Amino acid sequence: MLFYTIAADIVLVLIFALSGRSSHSENLSVGGVLETAWPFLAALAVGWLVCRTWVQPLRVWPHGVCLWMITVAGGMALRILSGATAATPFVVVATLVLAVFLLGHRLIATRVTRGTKSP
């Protein structure tokens, strides 16, 4: 489950960046997407360490919520420090989308793995 969770988190942050760039008709090159995603990917990595997410990677509370909050707050801070903007609508959308992505896949995976465990 650890590899799945790390990969899913990274892919979902990249999809978040890709969809944001797409909705604003920005360059969808690998470099462009990484330019948008890097602050959130860096914050995601910090979140994994701070929250010790590897202990129970699918657990929504507290690991997933902690990871989500650090990813959003850290991503916004790094974005601002690097000279990009973080307008209120962007912060709201990023917070909601990353909650659905980072918490949602954990909820789904937990339900699926519970259903496949033998008695």
PDB file of N, CA and C in Angstrom:
ATOM      1  N   MET A   1       0.804  -1.202   0.000  1.00  0.00           N
ATOM      2  CA  MET A   1       0.000   0.000   0.000  1.00  0.00           C
ATOM      3  C   MET A   1       0.846   1.264   0.000  1.00  0.00           C
ATOM      4  N   LEU A   2       2.046   1.182   0.535  1.00  0.00           N
ATOM      5  CA  LEU A   2       2.890   2.364   0.627  1.00  0.00           C
ATOM      6  C   LEU A   2       3.213   2.921  -0.758  1.00  0.00           C
ATOM      7  N   PHE A   3       3.660   2.047  -1.674  1.00  0.00           N
ATOM      8  CA  PHE A   3       4.002   2.509  -3.017  1.00  0.00           C
ATOM      9  C   PHE A   3       2.781   3.104  -3.712  1.00  0.00           C
ATOM     10  N   TYR A   4       1.644   2.435  -3.603  1.00  0.00           N
ATOM     11  CA  TYR A   4       0.407   2.945  -4.211  1.00  0.00           C
ATOM     12  C   TYR A   4       0.105   4.350  -3.690  1.00  0.00           C
ATOM     13  N   THR A   5       0.175   4.532  -2.382  1.00  0.00           N
ATOM     14  CA  THR A   5      -0.223   5.801  -1.788  1.00  0.00           C
ATOM     15  C   THR A   5       0.712   6.930  -2.198  1.00  0.00           C
ATOM     16  N   ILE A   6       2.004   6.678  -2.188  1.00  0.00           N
ATOM     17  CA  ILE A   6       2.964   7.704  -2.619  1.00  0.00           C
ATOM     18  C   ILE A   6       2.716   8.059  -4.082  1.00  0.00           C
ATOM     19  N   ALA A   7       2.602   7.038  -4.928  1.00  0.00           N
ATOM     20  CA  ALA A   7       2.382   7.274  -6.361  1.00  0.00           C
ATOM     21  C   ALA A   7       1.071   8.015  -6.599  1.00  0.00           C
ATOM     22  N   ALA A   8       0.008   7.611  -5.928  1.00  0.00           N
ATOM     23  CA  ALA A   8      -1.292   8.268  -6.106  1.00  0.00           C
ATOM     24  C   ALA A   8      -1.222   9.730  -5.678  1.00  0.00           C
ATOM     25  N   ASP A   9      -0.578  10.009  -4.551  1.00  0.00           N
ATOM     26  CA  ASP A   9      -0.451  11.394  -4.089  1.00  0.00           C
ATOM     27  C   ASP A   9       0.272  12.250  -5.127  1.00  0.00           C
ATOM     28  N   ILE A  10       1.377  11.748  -5.644  1.00  0.00           N
ATOM     29  CA  ILE A  10       2.160  12.501  -6.634  1.00  0.00           C
ATOM     30  C   ILE A  10       1.358  12.711  -7.913  1.00  0.00           C
ATOM     31  N   VAL A  11       0.762  11.650  -8.422  1.00  0.00           N
ATOM     32  CA  VAL A  11      -0.021  11.746  -9.663  1.00  0.00           C
ATOM     33  C   VAL A  11      -1.184  12.713  -9.485  1.00  0.00           C
ATOM     34  N   LEU A  12      -1.859  12.666  -8.362  1.00  0.00           N
ATOM     35  CA  LEU A  12      -3.006  13.546  -8.141  1.00  0.00           C
ATOM     36  C   LEU A  12      -2.591  15.011  -8.010  1.00  0.00           C
ATOM     37  N   VAL A  13      -1.448  15.285  -7.405  1.00  0.00           N
ATOM     38  CA  VAL A  13      -0.952  16.669  -7.360  1.00  0.00           C
ATOM     39  C   VAL A  13      -0.598  17.137  -8.777  1.00  0.00           C
ATOM     40  N   LEU A  14      -0.023  16.253  -9.575  1.00  0.00           N
ATOM     41  CA  LEU A  14       0.277  16.606 -10.964  1.00  0.00           C
ATOM     42  C   LEU A  14      -1.003  16.846 -11.762  1.00  0.00           C
ATOM     43  N   ILE A  15      -2.033  16.037 -11.545  1.00  0.00           N
ATOM     44  CA  ILE A  15      -3.321  16.243 -12.217  1.00  0.00           C
ATOM     45  C   ILE A  15      -3.938  17.570 -11.783  1.00  0.00           C
ATOM     46  N   PHE A  16      -3.817  17.909 -10.507  1.00  0.00           N
ATOM     47  CA  PHE A  16      -4.288  19.200 -10.004  1.00  0.00           C
ATOM     48  C   PHE A  16      -3.614  20.340 -10.767  1.00  0.00           C
ATOM     49  N   ALA A  17      -2.300  20.272 -10.909  1.00  0.00           N
ATOM     50  CA  ALA A  17      -1.564  21.317 -11.626  1.00  0.00           C
ATOM     51  C   ALA A  17      -1.942  21.349 -13.102  1.00  0.00           C
ATOM     52  N   LEU A  18      -2.039  20.180 -13.712  1.00  0.00           N
ATOM     53  CA  LEU A  18      -2.402  20.083 -15.124  1.00  0.00           C
ATOM     54  C   LEU A  18      -3.802  20.651 -15.373  1.00  0.00           C
ATOM     55  N   SER A  19      -4.751  20.300 -14.534  1.00  0.00           N
ATOM     56  CA  SER A  19      -6.122  20.789 -14.729  1.00  0.00           C
ATOM     57  C   SER A  19      -6.206  22.297 -14.511  1.00  0.00           C
ATOM     58  N   GLY A  20      -5.451  22.802 -13.555  1.00  0.00           N
ATOM     59  CA  GLY A  20      -5.433  24.247 -13.323  1.00  0.00           C
ATOM     60  C   GLY A  20      -4.858  25.001 -14.505  1.00  0.00           C
ATOM     61  N   ARG A  21      -3.750  24.504 -15.032  1.00  0.00           N
ATOM     62  CA  ARG A  21      -3.143  25.147 -16.200  1.00  0.00           C
ATOM     63  C   ARG A  21      -4.072  25.051 -17.398  1.00  0.00           C
ATOM     64  N   SER A  22      -4.716  23.911 -17.553  1.00  0.00           N
ATOM     65  CA  SER A  22      -5.626  23.709 -18.676  1.00  0.00           C
ATOM     66  C   SER A  22      -6.820  24.663 -18.595  1.00  0.00           C
ATOM     67  N   SER A  23      -7.382  24.830 -17.421  1.00  0.00           N
ATOM     68  CA  SER A  23      -8.554  25.691 -17.276  1.00  0.00           C
ATOM     69  C   SER A  23      -8.227  27.165 -17.508  1.00  0.00           C
ATOM     70  N   HIS A  24      -6.946  27.510 -17.407  1.00  0.00           N
ATOM     71  CA  HIS A  24      -6.518  28.888 -17.658  1.00  0.00           C
ATOM     72  C   HIS A  24      -5.790  29.027 -18.994  1.00  0.00           C
ATOM     73  N   SER A  25      -5.897  28.009 -19.824  1.00  0.00           N
ATOM     74  CA  SER A  25      -5.271  27.998 -21.163  1.00  0.00           C
ATOM     75  C   SER A  25      -3.777  28.289 -21.107  1.00  0.00           C
ATOM     76  N   GLU A  26      -3.116  27.745 -20.101  1.00  0.00           N
ATOM     77  CA  GLU A  26      -1.666  27.910 -19.977  1.00  0.00           C
ATOM     78  C   GLU A  26      -0.955  26.748 -20.648  1.00  0.00           C
ATOM     79  N   ASN A  27       0.329  26.914 -20.860  1.00  0.00           N
ATOM     80  CA  ASN A  27       1.173  25.911 -21.496  1.00  0.00           C
ATOM     81  C   ASN A  27       1.080  24.588 -20.741  1.00  0.00           C
ATOM     82  N   LEU A  28       0.760  23.511 -21.446  1.00  0.00           N
ATOM     83  CA  LEU A  28       0.615  22.193 -20.821  1.00  0.00           C
ATOM     84  C   LEU A  28       1.845  21.318 -21.005  1.00  0.00           C
ATOM     85  N   SER A  29       2.982  21.927 -21.273  1.00  0.00           N
ATOM     86  CA  SER A  29       4.221  21.160 -21.406  1.00  0.00           C
ATOM     87  C   SER A  29       4.598  20.581 -20.044  1.00  0.00           C
ATOM     88  N   VAL A  30       5.487  19.616 -20.068  1.00  0.00           N
ATOM     89  CA  VAL A  30       5.964  19.011 -18.814  1.00  0.00           C
ATOM     90  C   VAL A  30       6.555  20.089 -17.919  1.00  0.00           C
ATOM     91  N   GLY A  31       7.359  20.961 -18.491  1.00  0.00           N
ATOM     92  CA  GLY A  31       7.974  22.044 -17.721  1.00  0.00           C
ATOM     93  C   GLY A  31       6.941  22.981 -17.124  1.00  0.00           C
ATOM     94  N   GLY A  32       5.915  23.306 -17.897  1.00  0.00           N
ATOM     95  CA  GLY A  32       4.862  24.188 -17.401  1.00  0.00           C
ATOM     96  C   GLY A  32       4.094  23.570 -16.247  1.00  0.00           C
ATOM     97  N   VAL A  33       3.750  22.293 -16.394  1.00  0.00           N
ATOM     98  CA  VAL A  33       3.013  21.607 -15.323  1.00  0.00           C
ATOM     99  C   VAL A  33       3.886  21.499 -14.073  1.00  0.00           C
ATOM    100  N   LEU A  34       5.149  21.168 -14.251  1.00  0.00           N
ATOM    101  CA  LEU A  34       6.053  21.064 -13.094  1.00  0.00           C
ATOM    102  C   LEU A  34       6.272  22.415 -12.420  1.00  0.00           C
ATOM    103  N   GLU A  35       6.243  23.484 -13.213  1.00  0.00           N
ATOM    104  CA  GLU A  35       6.379  24.827 -12.650  1.00  0.00           C
ATOM    105  C   GLU A  35       5.236  25.129 -11.686  1.00  0.00           C
ATOM    106  N   THR A  36       4.047  24.687 -12.043  1.00  0.00           N
ATOM    107  CA  THR A  36       2.884  24.880 -11.177  1.00  0.00           C
ATOM    108  C   THR A  36       2.878  23.878 -10.022  1.00  0.00           C
ATOM    109  N   ALA A  37       3.297  22.656 -10.292  1.00  0.00           N
ATOM    110  CA  ALA A  37       3.175  21.575  -9.305  1.00  0.00           C
ATOM    111  C   ALA A  37       4.276  21.566  -8.254  1.00  0.00           C
ATOM    112  N   TRP A  38       5.478  22.064  -8.571  1.00  0.00           N
ATOM    113  CA  TRP A  38       6.609  21.842  -7.668  1.00  0.00           C
ATOM    114  C   TRP A  38       6.372  22.321  -6.234  1.00  0.00           C
ATOM    115  N   PRO A  39       5.734  23.486  -6.013  1.00  0.00           N
ATOM    116  CA  PRO A  39       5.551  23.879  -4.604  1.00  0.00           C
ATOM    117  C   PRO A  39       4.686  22.882  -3.828  1.00  0.00           C
ATOM    118  N   PHE A  40       3.685  22.336  -4.500  1.00  0.00           N
ATOM    119  CA  PHE A  40       2.785  21.392  -3.854  1.00  0.00           C
ATOM    120  C   PHE A  40       3.436  20.017  -3.705  1.00  0.00           C
ATOM    121  N   LEU A  41       4.263  19.624  -4.675  1.00  0.00           N
ATOM    122  CA  LEU A  41       5.001  18.362  -4.551  1.00  0.00           C
ATOM    123  C   LEU A  41       6.025  18.446  -3.420  1.00  0.00           C
ATOM    124  N   ALA A  42       6.700  19.589  -3.301  1.00  0.00           N
ATOM    125  CA  ALA A  42       7.668  19.766  -2.210  1.00  0.00           C
ATOM    126  C   ALA A  42       6.955  19.744  -0.859  1.00  0.00           C
ATOM    127  N   ALA A  43       5.822  20.433  -0.773  1.00  0.00           N
ATOM    128  CA  ALA A  43       5.056  20.440   0.480  1.00  0.00           C
ATOM    129  C   ALA A  43       4.499  19.052   0.790  1.00  0.00           C
ATOM    130  N   LEU A  44       4.108  18.317  -0.253  1.00  0.00           N
ATOM    131  CA  LEU A  44       3.640  16.942  -0.079  1.00  0.00           C
ATOM    132  C   LEU A  44       4.740  16.081   0.541  1.00  0.00           C
ATOM    133  N   ALA A  45       5.954  16.216   0.051  1.00  0.00           N
ATOM    134  CA  ALA A  45       7.092  15.452   0.598  1.00  0.00           C
ATOM    135  C   ALA A  45       7.331  15.811   2.065  1.00  0.00           C
ATOM    136  N   VAL A  46       7.281  17.101   2.374  1.00  0.00           N
ATOM    137  CA  VAL A  46       7.436  17.528   3.772  1.00  0.00           C
ATOM    138  C   VAL A  46       6.301  16.954   4.613  1.00  0.00           C
ATOM    139  N   GLY A  47       5.091  16.989   4.067  1.00  0.00           N
ATOM    140  CA  GLY A  47       3.939  16.445   4.784  1.00  0.00           C
ATOM    141  C   GLY A  47       4.100  14.967   5.094  1.00  0.00           C
ATOM    142  N   TRP A  48       4.618  14.211   4.137  1.00  0.00           N
ATOM    143  CA  TRP A  48       4.848  12.781   4.375  1.00  0.00           C
ATOM    144  C   TRP A  48       5.798  12.581   5.551  1.00  0.00           C
ATOM    145  N   LEU A  49       6.811  13.429   5.653  1.00  0.00           N
ATOM    146  CA  LEU A  49       7.778  13.301   6.751  1.00  0.00           C
ATOM    147  C   LEU A  49       7.188  13.768   8.078  1.00  0.00           C
ATOM    148  N   VAL A  50       6.585  14.936   8.082  1.00  0.00           N
ATOM    149  CA  VAL A  50       6.050  15.511   9.317  1.00  0.00           C
ATOM    150  C   VAL A  50       4.917  14.652   9.884  1.00  0.00           C
ATOM    151  N   CYS A  51       4.033  14.195   9.010  1.00  0.00           N
ATOM    152  CA  CYS A  51       2.860  13.420   9.450  1.00  0.00           C
ATOM    153  C   CYS A  51       3.164  11.939   9.643  1.00  0.00           C
ATOM    154  N   ARG A  52       4.380  11.532   9.256  1.00  0.00           N
ATOM    155  CA  ARG A  52       4.773  10.122   9.328  1.00  0.00           C
ATOM    156  C   ARG A  52       3.731   9.248   8.606  1.00  0.00           C
ATOM    157  N   THR A  53       3.368   9.701   7.431  1.00  0.00           N
ATOM    158  CA  THR A  53       2.303   9.066   6.663  1.00  0.00           C
ATOM    159  C   THR A  53       2.623   7.621   6.310  1.00  0.00           C
ATOM    160  N   TRP A  54       3.884   7.276   6.210  1.00  0.00           N
ATOM    161  CA  TRP A  54       4.259   5.901   5.867  1.00  0.00           C
ATOM    162  C   TRP A  54       3.804   4.892   6.923  1.00  0.00           C
ATOM    163  N   VAL A  55       3.544   5.344   8.143  1.00  0.00           N
ATOM    164  CA  VAL A  55       3.116   4.437   9.209  1.00  0.00           C
ATOM    165  C   VAL A  55       1.774   3.800   8.858  1.00  0.00           C
ATOM    166  N   GLN A  56       0.821   4.616   8.423  1.00  0.00           N
ATOM    167  CA  GLN A  56      -0.497   4.145   7.984  1.00  0.00           C
ATOM    168  C   GLN A  56      -0.917   5.004   6.797  1.00  0.00           C
ATOM    169  N   PRO A  57      -0.379   4.703   5.620  1.00  0.00           N
ATOM    170  CA  PRO A  57      -0.539   5.594   4.470  1.00  0.00           C
ATOM    171  C   PRO A  57      -1.975   5.795   3.995  1.00  0.00           C
ATOM    172  N   LEU A  58      -2.865   4.853   4.252  1.00  0.00           N
ATOM    173  CA  LEU A  58      -4.252   5.008   3.803  1.00  0.00           C
ATOM    174  C   LEU A  58      -5.156   5.644   4.851  1.00  0.00           C
ATOM    175  N   ARG A  59      -4.644   5.838   6.019  1.00  0.00           N
ATOM    176  CA  ARG A  59      -5.473   6.371   7.105  1.00  0.00           C
ATOM    177  C   ARG A  59      -5.825   7.830   6.830  1.00  0.00           C
ATOM    178  N   VAL A  60      -7.113   8.135   6.802  1.00  0.00           N
ATOM    179  CA  VAL A  60      -7.570   9.499   6.518  1.00  0.00           C
ATOM    180  C   VAL A  60      -7.299  10.414   7.712  1.00  0.00           C
ATOM    181  N   TRP A  61      -7.646   9.927   8.905  1.00  0.00           N
ATOM    182  CA  TRP A  61      -7.391  10.714  10.121  1.00  0.00           C
ATOM    183  C   TRP A  61      -6.428   9.970  11.001  1.00  0.00           C
ATOM    184  N   PRO A  62      -5.387  10.578  11.440  1.00  0.00           N
ATOM    185  CA  PRO A  62      -4.967  11.956  11.228  1.00  0.00           C
ATOM    186  C   PRO A  62      -4.008  12.125  10.041  1.00  0.00           C
ATOM    187  N   HIS A  63      -3.449  11.014   9.539  1.00  0.00           N
ATOM    188  CA  HIS A  63      -2.387  11.101   8.536  1.00  0.00           C
ATOM    189  C   HIS A  63      -2.798  11.850   7.272  1.00  0.00           C
ATOM    190  N   GLY A  64      -3.915  11.469   6.676  1.00  0.00           N
ATOM    191  CA  GLY A  64      -4.348  12.093   5.428  1.00  0.00           C
ATOM    192  C   GLY A  64      -4.696  13.564   5.594  1.00  0.00           C
ATOM    193  N   VAL A  65      -5.394  13.892   6.671  1.00  0.00           N
ATOM    194  CA  VAL A  65      -5.781  15.291   6.915  1.00  0.00           C
ATOM    195  C   VAL A  65      -4.542  16.143   7.161  1.00  0.00           C
ATOM    196  N   CYS A  66      -3.629  15.652   7.956  1.00  0.00           N
ATOM    197  CA  CYS A  66      -2.370  16.360   8.215  1.00  0.00           C
ATOM    198  C   CYS A  66      -1.608  16.584   6.905  1.00  0.00           C
ATOM    199  N   LEU A  67      -1.501  15.547   6.104  1.00  0.00           N
ATOM    200  CA  LEU A  67      -0.804  15.635   4.821  1.00  0.00           C
ATOM    201  C   LEU A  67      -1.472  16.659   3.905  1.00  0.00           C
ATOM    202  N   TRP A  68      -2.780  16.628   3.827  1.00  0.00           N
ATOM    203  CA  TRP A  68      -3.532  17.575   2.990  1.00  0.00           C
ATOM    204  C   TRP A  68      -3.277  19.015   3.439  1.00  0.00           C
ATOM    205  N   MET A  69      -3.370  19.268   4.744  1.00  0.00           N
ATOM    206  CA  MET A  69      -3.189  20.628   5.260  1.00  0.00           C
ATOM    207  C   MET A  69      -1.778  21.151   4.996  1.00  0.00           C
ATOM    208  N   ILE A  70      -0.785  20.307   5.197  1.00  0.00           N
ATOM    209  CA  ILE A  70       0.598  20.724   4.942  1.00  0.00           C
ATOM    210  C   ILE A  70       0.826  20.936   3.449  1.00  0.00           C
ATOM    211  N   THR A  71       0.241  20.082   2.618  1.00  0.00           N
ATOM    212  CA  THR A  71       0.399  20.228   1.168  1.00  0.00           C
ATOM    213  C   THR A  71      -0.178  21.554   0.693  1.00  0.00           C
ATOM    214  N   VAL A  72      -1.363  21.913   1.177  1.00  0.00           N
ATOM    215  CA  VAL A  72      -1.985  23.172   0.765  1.00  0.00           C
ATOM    216  C   VAL A  72      -1.216  24.370   1.329  1.00  0.00           C
ATOM    217  N   ALA A  73      -1.015  24.393   2.640  1.00  0.00           N
ATOM    218  CA  ALA A  73      -0.358  25.546   3.270  1.00  0.00           C
ATOM    219  C   ALA A  73       1.084  25.706   2.789  1.00  0.00           C
ATOM    220  N   GLY A  74       1.812  24.602   2.767  1.00  0.00           N
ATOM    221  CA  GLY A  74       3.198  24.659   2.312  1.00  0.00           C
ATOM    222  C   GLY A  74       3.306  25.003   0.842  1.00  0.00           C
ATOM    223  N   GLY A  75       2.413  24.431   0.028  1.00  0.00           N
ATOM    224  CA  GLY A  75       2.412  24.731  -1.406  1.00  0.00           C
ATOM    225  C   GLY A  75       2.138  26.200  -1.668  1.00  0.00           C
ATOM    226  N   MET A  76       1.189  26.764  -0.948  1.00  0.00           N
ATOM    227  CA  MET A  76       0.880  28.184  -1.112  1.00  0.00           C
ATOM    228  C   MET A  76       2.055  29.051  -0.658  1.00  0.00           C
ATOM    229  N   ALA A  77       2.655  28.697   0.469  1.00  0.00           N
ATOM    230  CA  ALA A  77       3.800  29.469   0.969  1.00  0.00           C
ATOM    231  C   ALA A  77       4.963  29.438  -0.026  1.00  0.00           C
ATOM    232  N   LEU A  78       5.283  28.244  -0.534  1.00  0.00           N
ATOM    233  CA  LEU A  78       6.371  28.135  -1.509  1.00  0.00           C
ATOM    234  C   LEU A  78       6.040  28.876  -2.799  1.00  0.00           C
ATOM    235  N   ARG A  79       4.790  28.825  -3.199  1.00  0.00           N
ATOM    236  CA  ARG A  79       4.348  29.548  -4.398  1.00  0.00           C
ATOM    237  C   ARG A  79       4.580  31.046  -4.242  1.00  0.00           C
ATOM    238  N   ILE A  80       4.173  31.578  -3.109  1.00  0.00           N
ATOM    239  CA  ILE A  80       4.332  33.010  -2.850  1.00  0.00           C
ATOM    240  C   ILE A  80       5.812  33.375  -2.735  1.00  0.00           C
ATOM    241  N   LEU A  81       6.582  32.554  -2.015  1.00  0.00           N
ATOM    242  CA  LEU A  81       8.016  32.818  -1.863  1.00  0.00           C
ATOM    243  C   LEU A  81       8.760  32.780  -3.200  1.00  0.00           C
ATOM    244  N   SER A  82       8.243  32.023  -4.152  1.00  0.00           N
ATOM    245  CA  SER A  82       8.908  31.928  -5.453  1.00  0.00           C
ATOM    246  C   SER A  82       8.439  33.022  -6.415  1.00  0.00           C
ATOM    247  N   GLY A  83       7.550  33.894  -5.952  1.00  0.00           N
ATOM    248  CA  GLY A  83       7.127  35.025  -6.768  1.00  0.00           C
ATOM    249  C   GLY A  83       5.813  34.828  -7.498  1.00  0.00           C
ATOM    250  N   ALA A  84       5.181  33.683  -7.339  1.00  0.00           N
ATOM    251  CA  ALA A  84       3.880  33.445  -7.974  1.00  0.00           C
ATOM    252  C   ALA A  84       2.775  34.024  -7.081  1.00  0.00           C
ATOM    253  N   THR A  85       1.575  34.018  -7.595  1.00  0.00           N
ATOM    254  CA  THR A  85       0.456  34.563  -6.835  1.00  0.00           C
ATOM    255  C   THR A  85      -0.335  33.450  -6.153  1.00  0.00           C
ATOM    256  N   ALA A  86      -1.138  33.861  -5.190  1.00  0.00           N
ATOM    257  CA  ALA A  86      -2.044  32.930  -4.502  1.00  0.00           C
ATOM    258  C   ALA A  86      -3.310  33.695  -4.155  1.00  0.00           C
ATOM    259  N   ALA A  87      -4.047  34.054  -5.192  1.00  0.00           N
ATOM    260  CA  ALA A  87      -5.301  34.788  -4.992  1.00  0.00           C
ATOM    261  C   ALA A  87      -6.290  33.914  -4.221  1.00  0.00           C
ATOM    262  N   THR A  88      -7.190  34.552  -3.510  1.00  0.00           N
ATOM    263  CA  THR A  88      -8.162  33.835  -2.674  1.00  0.00           C
ATOM    264  C   THR A  88      -8.925  32.747  -3.433  1.00  0.00           C
ATOM    265  N   PRO A  89      -9.435  33.019  -4.636  1.00  0.00           N
ATOM    266  CA  PRO A  89     -10.139  31.944  -5.348  1.00  0.00           C
ATOM    267  C   PRO A  89      -9.234  30.730  -5.622  1.00  0.00           C
ATOM    268  N   PHE A  90      -7.969  30.973  -5.928  1.00  0.00           N
ATOM    269  CA  PHE A  90      -7.033  29.870  -6.158  1.00  0.00           C
ATOM    270  C   PHE A  90      -6.824  29.067  -4.878  1.00  0.00           C
ATOM    271  N   VAL A  91      -6.678  29.754  -3.760  1.00  0.00           N
ATOM    272  CA  VAL A  91      -6.480  29.070  -2.480  1.00  0.00           C
ATOM    273  C   VAL A  91      -7.696  28.199  -2.157  1.00  0.00           C
ATOM    274  N   VAL A  92      -8.885  28.729  -2.369  1.00  0.00           N
ATOM    275  CA  VAL A  92     -10.117  27.975  -2.091  1.00  0.00           C
ATOM    276  C   VAL A  92     -10.202  26.741  -2.989  1.00  0.00           C
ATOM    277  N   VAL A  93      -9.995  26.938  -4.285  1.00  0.00           N
ATOM    278  CA  VAL A  93     -10.077  25.815  -5.230  1.00  0.00           C
ATOM    279  C   VAL A  93      -9.005  24.781  -4.921  1.00  0.00           C
ATOM    280  N   ALA A  94      -7.780  25.223  -4.681  1.00  0.00           N
ATOM    281  CA  ALA A  94      -6.694  24.288  -4.376  1.00  0.00           C
ATOM    282  C   ALA A  94      -7.000  23.496  -3.106  1.00  0.00           C
ATOM    283  N   THR A  95      -7.519  24.163  -2.102  1.00  0.00           N
ATOM    284  CA  THR A  95      -7.852  23.495  -0.841  1.00  0.00           C
ATOM    285  C   THR A  95      -8.906  22.413  -1.062  1.00  0.00           C
ATOM    286  N   LEU A  96      -9.942  22.747  -1.819  1.00  0.00           N
ATOM    287  CA  LEU A  96     -11.022  21.787  -2.059  1.00  0.00           C
ATOM    288  C   LEU A  96     -10.588  20.637  -2.971  1.00  0.00           C
ATOM    289  N   VAL A  97      -9.911  20.960  -4.051  1.00  0.00           N
ATOM    290  CA  VAL A  97      -9.480  19.920  -4.997  1.00  0.00           C
ATOM    291  C   VAL A  97      -8.481  18.978  -4.335  1.00  0.00           C
ATOM    292  N   LEU A  98      -7.512  19.528  -3.621  1.00  0.00           N
ATOM    293  CA  LEU A  98      -6.530  18.661  -2.969  1.00  0.00           C
ATOM    294  C   LEU A  98      -7.165  17.839  -1.848  1.00  0.00           C
ATOM    295  N   ALA A  99      -8.198  18.359  -1.203  1.00  0.00           N
ATOM    296  CA  ALA A  99      -8.915  17.552  -0.202  1.00  0.00           C
ATOM    297  C   ALA A  99      -9.587  16.366  -0.871  1.00  0.00           C
ATOM    298  N   VAL A 100     -10.292  16.624  -1.957  1.00  0.00           N
ATOM    299  CA  VAL A 100     -10.957  15.534  -2.681  1.00  0.00           C
ATOM    300  C   VAL A 100      -9.929  14.518  -3.165  1.00  0.00           C
ATOM    301  N   PHE A 101      -8.825  14.998  -3.720  1.00  0.00           N
ATOM    302  CA  PHE A 101      -7.809  14.095  -4.267  1.00  0.00           C
ATOM    303  C   PHE A 101      -7.081  13.320  -3.167  1.00  0.00           C
ATOM    304  N   LEU A 102      -6.474  14.028  -2.208  1.00  0.00           N
ATOM    305  CA  LEU A 102      -5.617  13.370  -1.216  1.00  0.00           C
ATOM    306  C   LEU A 102      -6.401  12.561  -0.189  1.00  0.00           C
ATOM    307  N   LEU A 103      -7.591  13.011   0.142  1.00  0.00           N
ATOM    308  CA  LEU A 103      -8.411  12.255   1.095  1.00  0.00           C
ATOM    309  C   LEU A 103      -9.294  11.243   0.380  1.00  0.00           C
ATOM    310  N   GLY A 104      -9.776  11.615  -0.789  1.00  0.00           N
ATOM    311  CA  GLY A 104     -10.687  10.752  -1.540  1.00  0.00           C
ATOM    312  C   GLY A 104     -10.080   9.425  -1.935  1.00  0.00           C
ATOM    313  N   HIS A 105      -8.858   9.457  -2.462  1.00  0.00           N
ATOM    314  CA  HIS A 105      -8.262   8.180  -2.875  1.00  0.00           C
ATOM    315  C   HIS A 105      -7.971   7.297  -1.672  1.00  0.00           C
ATOM    316  N   ARG A 106      -7.720   7.889  -0.531  1.00  0.00           N
ATOM    317  CA  ARG A 106      -7.514   7.093   0.686  1.00  0.00           C
ATOM    318  C   ARG A 106      -8.821   6.429   1.124  1.00  0.00           C
ATOM    319  N   LEU A 107      -9.901   7.175   1.071  1.00  0.00           N
ATOM    320  CA  LEU A 107     -11.204   6.605   1.433  1.00  0.00           C
ATOM    321  C   LEU A 107     -11.577   5.454   0.503  1.00  0.00           C
ATOM    322  N   ILE A 108     -11.393   5.649  -0.789  1.00  0.00           N
ATOM    323  CA  ILE A 108     -11.717   4.603  -1.767  1.00  0.00           C
ATOM    324  C   ILE A 108     -10.830   3.384  -1.554  1.00  0.00           C
ATOM    325  N   ALA A 109      -9.531   3.594  -1.406  1.00  0.00           N
ATOM    326  CA  ALA A 109      -8.605   2.466  -1.224  1.00  0.00           C
ATOM    327  C   ALA A 109      -8.902   1.715   0.068  1.00  0.00           C
ATOM    328  N   THR A 110      -9.275   2.429   1.110  1.00  0.00           N
ATOM    329  CA  THR A 110      -9.617   1.775   2.382  1.00  0.00           C
ATOM    330  C   THR A 110     -10.851   0.894   2.210  1.00  0.00           C
ATOM    331  N   ARG A 111     -11.841   1.399   1.520  1.00  0.00           N
ATOM    332  CA  ARG A 111     -13.061   0.613   1.280  1.00  0.00           C
ATOM    333  C   ARG A 111     -12.751  -0.624   0.438  1.00  0.00           C
ATOM    334  N   VAL A 112     -11.934  -0.441  -0.587  1.00  0.00           N
ATOM    335  CA  VAL A 112     -11.585  -1.564  -1.466  1.00  0.00           C
ATOM    336  C   VAL A 112     -10.786  -2.628  -0.713  1.00  0.00           C
ATOM    337  N   THR A 113      -9.797  -2.206   0.063  1.00  0.00           N
ATOM    338  CA  THR A 113      -8.968  -3.175   0.772  1.00  0.00           C
ATOM    339  C   THR A 113      -9.747  -3.861   1.889  1.00  0.00           C
ATOM    340  N   ARG A 114     -10.680  -3.183   2.510  1.00  0.00           N
ATOM    341  CA  ARG A 114     -11.517  -3.836   3.521  1.00  0.00           C
ATOM    342  C   ARG A 114     -12.363  -4.933   2.900  1.00  0.00           C
ATOM    343  N   GLY A 115     -12.831  -4.691   1.682  1.00  0.00           N
ATOM    344  CA  GLY A 115     -13.680  -5.665   0.991  1.00  0.00           C
ATOM    345  C   GLY A 115     -12.918  -6.869   0.480  1.00  0.00           C
ATOM    346  N   THR A 116     -11.588  -6.750   0.347  1.00  0.00           N
ATOM    347  CA  THR A 116     -10.807  -7.860  -0.198  1.00  0.00           C
ATOM    348  C   THR A 116     -10.099  -8.686   0.874  1.00  0.00           C
ATOM    349  N   LYS A 117     -10.151  -8.255   2.114  1.00  0.00           N
ATOM    350  CA  LYS A 117      -9.499  -9.004   3.183  1.00  0.00           C
ATOM    351  C   LYS A 117     -10.294 -10.264   3.491  1.00  0.00           C
ATOM    352  N   SER A 118      -9.571 -11.356   3.707  1.00  0.00           N
ATOM    353  CA  SER A 118     -10.264 -12.590   4.068  1.00  0.00           C
ATOM    354  C   SER A 118     -10.573 -12.588   5.555  1.00  0.00           C
ATOM    355  N   PRO A 119     -11.653 -13.275   5.947  1.00  0.00           N
ATOM    356  CA  PRO A 119     -12.104 -13.260   7.354  1.00  0.00           C
ATOM    357  C   PRO A 119     -11.144 -13.913   8.296  1.00  0.00           C
TER     358      PRO A 119
END
